[in-house]
Amino acid sequence: MKSCVIIFPGSNCDRDVAVALQASSGSAPQMVWHGETELPKCDLIVLPGGFSHGDYLRSGAMAARAPIMRAVAARANAGTPVLGLCNGFQIMTEAGLLPGALMRNAGLKFICRDVFLKVENSDTLFTRLYQRGQVVRIPISHHDGNYFADAATLDRLESTGRVAFRYCTADGVVNAAANPNGSLNNIAGILNEAGNVLGMMPHPERLIAKELGGSDGRPMFDALASLLQNA
């Protein structure tokens, strides 16, 4: 599998993603600077977490207008899988690759801790090695992770199976107490209409081995690696 990780000024999870991709695929990804205008041939594109451009204006707003994002959008529209994690998710919404917006956390504080997620859709490129309804533990680290969309957009996401993950309790209950940031419908990750773009606020790349405290994030990268290697 050939993969690319896009680096923006302020990215700080690009190396974490690179380690996760290499662990699952056996191949190091190509690291692509945001000022480039073309992407090398690749099977997967990842927009990593961090604080691109210092989160000035809005989180992801400046990065969404980087030269490389035109190429990312073109590849996404052509069917290449694109994964956005945390700041990558914010960039995706700002670039129009995914609907909605990520606003300030409801508590107006930065949150960095593990949370539990319920797998809502396991029939995707990214989640096929999870089970629908499975509860996984994944870290979050954000100040602007409060997912918002208008009622019509939420209805489309829900009715077409485009909610990939929801915040939940350890035993899988989706309620307000399990929602760390105020996201509508406890949404933690969504897909585009074609299913080849996933944006999520939690960081699966941070839990890929027992040495890191757990491996609940590993199946996502294994799923992508095995599928794309056999494509």
Protein backbone atom coordinates (compact mmCIF):
# COMPACT_ATOMS: atom_id res chain seq x y z
CA MET A 1 0.00 0.00 0.00
CA LYS A 2 1.29 3.43 -0.95
CA SER A 3 0.07 6.14 1.38
CA CYS A 4 0.60 9.87 1.80
CA VAL A 5 0.49 11.95 4.97
CA ILE A 6 -0.07 15.67 4.47
CA ILE A 7 1.98 17.92 6.77
CA PHE A 8 0.81 21.43 7.65
CA PRO A 9 2.60 24.01 9.80
CA GLY A 10 1.47 22.96 13.28
CA SER A 11 0.78 19.29 12.51
CA ASN A 12 1.93 17.22 15.46
CA CYS A 13 0.50 13.77 14.82
CA ASP A 14 2.02 13.17 11.40
CA ARG A 15 4.72 10.89 12.81
CA ASP A 16 2.19 8.96 14.89
CA VAL A 17 0.17 8.29 11.73
CA ALA A 18 3.30 7.32 9.81
CA VAL A 19 4.19 4.76 12.49
CA ALA A 20 0.66 3.33 12.41
CA LEU A 21 0.63 3.07 8.63
CA GLN A 22 4.03 1.39 8.49
CA ALA A 23 3.09 -1.04 11.26
CA SER A 24 0.02 -2.21 9.33
CA SER A 25 1.27 -2.03 5.75
CA GLY A 26 5.01 -2.62 6.09
CA SER A 27 5.67 0.50 4.05
CA ALA A 28 6.50 3.99 5.23
CA PRO A 29 4.13 6.65 3.89
CA GLN A 30 5.29 9.57 1.79
CA MET A 31 5.23 12.78 3.79
CA VAL A 32 3.86 15.62 1.65
CA TRP A 33 4.28 19.29 2.59
CA HIS A 34 1.17 21.46 2.40
CA GLY A 35 2.76 23.84 -0.10
CA GLU A 36 3.06 21.18 -2.79
CA THR A 37 0.56 21.30 -5.63
CA GLU A 38 0.66 17.65 -6.68
CA LEU A 39 0.38 14.32 -4.91
CA PRO A 40 2.45 11.26 -5.75
CA LYS A 41 0.59 8.13 -6.76
CA CYS A 42 -0.94 6.65 -3.63
CA ASP A 43 -3.74 4.42 -2.37
CA LEU A 44 -4.56 6.41 0.78
CA ILE A 45 -4.25 10.01 1.94
CA VAL A 46 -4.19 10.98 5.62
CA LEU A 47 -4.71 14.45 7.07
CA PRO A 48 -3.17 14.17 10.56
CA GLY A 49 -3.98 15.84 13.84
CA GLY A 50 -2.37 18.94 15.28
CA PHE A 51 -2.98 22.66 15.23
CA SER A 52 -2.46 23.69 11.63
CA HIS A 53 -1.47 27.35 11.37
CA GLY A 54 -1.99 27.66 15.12
CA ASP A 55 -5.77 27.28 14.76
CA TYR A 56 -6.02 30.95 13.79
CA LEU A 57 -9.33 32.09 12.24
CA ARG A 58 -11.00 28.70 12.80
CA SER A 59 -9.42 25.29 13.26
CA GLY A 60 -8.49 23.99 9.82
CA ALA A 61 -9.68 27.09 7.96
CA MET A 62 -6.26 28.14 6.68
CA ALA A 63 -5.04 24.60 6.02
CA ALA A 64 -8.15 23.90 3.93
CA ARG A 65 -6.89 26.50 1.46
CA ALA A 66 -3.37 25.13 1.19
CA PRO A 67 -2.18 24.39 -2.36
CA ILE A 68 -2.08 20.61 -1.74
CA MET A 69 -5.75 20.53 -0.78
CA ARG A 70 -6.84 20.99 -4.37
CA ALA A 71 -5.04 17.77 -5.21
CA VAL A 72 -6.46 16.04 -2.12
CA ALA A 73 -10.00 17.04 -3.11
CA ALA A 74 -9.46 15.86 -6.67
CA ARG A 75 -8.22 12.46 -5.47
CA ALA A 76 -11.08 12.17 -2.97
CA ASN A 77 -13.62 12.95 -5.68
CA ALA A 78 -11.98 10.30 -7.87
CA GLY A 79 -12.43 7.67 -5.14
CA THR A 80 -9.10 7.58 -3.31
CA PRO A 81 -9.64 6.88 0.42
CA VAL A 82 -8.92 9.91 2.59
CA LEU A 83 -8.72 9.76 6.40
CA GLY A 84 -8.84 12.92 8.52
CA LEU A 85 -7.97 12.66 12.21
CA CYS A 86 -8.78 15.46 14.67
CA ASN A 87 -7.36 18.55 12.96
CA GLY A 88 -7.63 16.55 9.74
CA PHE A 89 -11.38 16.25 10.33
CA GLN A 90 -11.59 19.99 10.93
CA ILE A 91 -9.70 20.63 7.68
CA MET A 92 -12.08 18.32 5.82
CA THR A 93 -15.17 20.23 6.92
CA GLU A 94 -13.53 23.57 6.10
CA ALA A 95 -12.56 22.24 2.66
CA GLY A 96 -16.05 20.94 1.94
CA LEU A 97 -14.99 17.29 1.83
CA LEU A 98 -17.38 16.56 4.70
CA PRO A 99 -20.49 18.42 5.87
CA GLY A 100 -20.91 20.30 9.11
CA ALA A 101 -18.42 22.11 11.32
CA LEU A 102 -16.29 21.52 14.40
CA MET A 103 -16.91 24.19 17.02
CA ARG A 104 -15.44 24.92 20.46
CA ASN A 105 -16.00 22.17 23.00
CA ALA A 106 -19.16 22.74 25.00
CA GLY A 107 -17.11 23.17 28.17
CA LEU A 108 -14.78 25.66 26.45
CA LYS A 109 -11.75 23.71 27.61
CA PHE A 110 -9.11 21.62 25.89
CA ILE A 111 -9.71 17.89 26.49
CA CYS A 112 -7.01 15.21 26.38
CA ARG A 113 -8.07 11.76 27.60
CA ASP A 114 -9.34 8.39 26.47
CA VAL A 115 -12.99 8.06 25.51
CA PHE A 116 -15.20 5.19 24.42
CA LEU A 117 -16.65 5.00 20.93
CA LYS A 118 -19.47 2.88 19.58
CA VAL A 119 -18.94 1.59 16.05
CA GLU A 120 -22.08 2.58 14.19
CA ASN A 121 -21.09 1.39 10.71
CA SER A 122 -18.69 -1.49 10.17
CA ASP A 123 -19.39 -1.77 6.46
CA THR A 124 -16.75 0.74 5.34
CA LEU A 125 -13.17 0.75 4.10
CA PHE A 126 -12.04 2.09 7.45
CA THR A 127 -14.15 0.13 9.94
CA ARG A 128 -14.62 -3.29 8.35
CA LEU A 129 -12.43 -5.05 10.96
CA TYR A 130 -14.65 -3.77 13.76
CA GLN A 131 -18.09 -5.11 14.60
CA ARG A 132 -21.19 -2.96 14.44
CA GLY A 133 -22.02 -1.96 18.00
CA GLN A 134 -18.49 -2.71 19.23
CA VAL A 135 -17.13 -0.37 21.89
CA VAL A 136 -13.52 0.76 21.48
CA ARG A 137 -11.29 2.97 23.60
CA ILE A 138 -9.56 5.76 21.67
CA PRO A 139 -7.83 8.97 22.87
CA ILE A 140 -9.08 12.47 22.12
CA SER A 141 -7.04 15.66 22.24
CA HIS A 142 -8.88 18.76 21.08
CA HIS A 143 -10.36 22.12 21.91
CA ASP A 144 -12.69 22.34 18.90
CA GLY A 145 -14.33 18.94 18.57
CA ASN A 146 -17.99 19.88 18.98
CA TYR A 147 -19.59 18.56 15.79
CA PHE A 148 -22.46 20.66 14.46
CA ALA A 149 -24.65 20.41 11.37
CA ASP A 150 -28.11 21.63 10.49
CA ALA A 151 -31.10 19.35 10.96
CA ALA A 152 -31.33 18.35 7.30
CA THR A 153 -27.65 17.40 7.17
CA LEU A 154 -27.93 15.39 10.37
CA ASP A 155 -30.94 13.56 8.98
CA ARG A 156 -29.01 12.66 5.81
CA LEU A 157 -26.02 11.42 7.80
CA GLU A 158 -28.18 9.31 10.09
CA SER A 159 -30.50 7.90 7.44
CA THR A 160 -27.71 6.85 5.08
CA GLY A 161 -25.38 5.22 7.61
CA ARG A 162 -22.74 7.90 7.39
CA VAL A 163 -22.15 8.18 11.13
CA ALA A 164 -19.14 5.93 11.69
CA PHE A 165 -18.57 6.43 15.43
CA ARG A 166 -20.41 7.89 18.42
CA TYR A 167 -19.17 8.77 21.88
CA CYS A 168 -20.56 6.30 24.41
CA THR A 169 -20.06 4.85 27.87
CA ALA A 170 -17.81 1.84 28.50
CA ASP A 171 -20.83 -0.43 28.12
CA GLY A 172 -22.00 1.19 24.87
CA VAL A 173 -24.69 3.55 26.09
CA VAL A 174 -24.91 6.70 23.98
CA ASN A 175 -25.88 9.53 26.30
CA ALA A 176 -24.98 13.07 27.29
CA ALA A 177 -22.68 11.92 30.07
CA ALA A 178 -20.48 10.12 27.54
CA ASN A 179 -20.27 13.13 25.23
CA PRO A 180 -16.96 14.93 25.91
CA ASN A 181 -17.46 17.98 23.70
CA GLY A 182 -21.15 18.57 23.00
CA SER A 183 -21.22 17.03 19.51
CA LEU A 184 -24.74 16.68 18.15
CA ASN A 185 -26.03 13.10 18.36
CA ASN A 186 -22.73 12.20 20.11
CA ILE A 187 -21.10 12.08 16.68
CA ALA A 188 -17.38 11.30 16.76
CA GLY A 189 -16.80 10.48 13.08
CA ILE A 190 -18.61 10.71 9.76
CA LEU A 191 -18.26 9.55 6.16
CA ASN A 192 -18.85 11.30 2.87
CA GLU A 193 -21.63 10.14 0.58
CA ALA A 194 -19.33 7.86 -1.44
CA GLY A 195 -17.86 6.28 1.70
CA ASN A 196 -14.22 6.88 0.78
CA VAL A 197 -13.67 9.86 3.12
CA LEU A 198 -13.75 9.48 6.90
CA GLY A 199 -13.25 12.29 9.39
CA MET A 200 -13.09 11.64 13.13
CA MET A 201 -11.97 13.65 16.15
CA PRO A 202 -10.46 10.76 18.18
CA HIS A 203 -6.92 9.52 17.46
CA PRO A 204 -6.81 5.81 16.54
CA GLU A 205 -3.13 6.17 15.60
CA ARG A 206 -2.28 6.67 19.28
CA LEU A 207 -3.48 3.21 20.33
CA ILE A 208 -2.04 0.65 17.92
CA ALA A 209 0.03 -1.54 20.27
CA LYS A 210 0.01 -2.74 23.88
CA GLU A 211 3.21 -0.74 24.45
CA LEU A 212 1.14 2.38 23.83
CA GLY A 213 -1.52 1.35 26.31
CA GLY A 214 -3.87 -0.45 23.94
CA SER A 215 -4.53 -1.48 20.37
CA ASP A 216 -8.15 -0.51 19.69
CA GLY A 217 -7.02 1.82 16.91
CA ARG A 218 -4.99 -0.80 15.05
CA PRO A 219 -7.88 -2.49 13.17
CA MET A 220 -8.54 0.71 11.20
CA PHE A 221 -5.04 0.76 9.75
CA ASP A 222 -4.98 -3.02 9.26
CA ALA A 223 -8.27 -2.81 7.37
CA LEU A 224 -6.99 -0.13 5.04
CA ALA A 225 -3.66 -1.86 4.48
CA SER A 226 -5.12 -5.29 3.68
CA LEU A 227 -7.86 -3.94 1.46
CA LEU A 228 -5.69 -1.58 -0.54
CA GLN A 229 -2.86 -4.09 -0.92
CA ASN A 230 -5.32 -6.47 -2.52
CA ALA A 231 -6.99 -3.85 -4.71
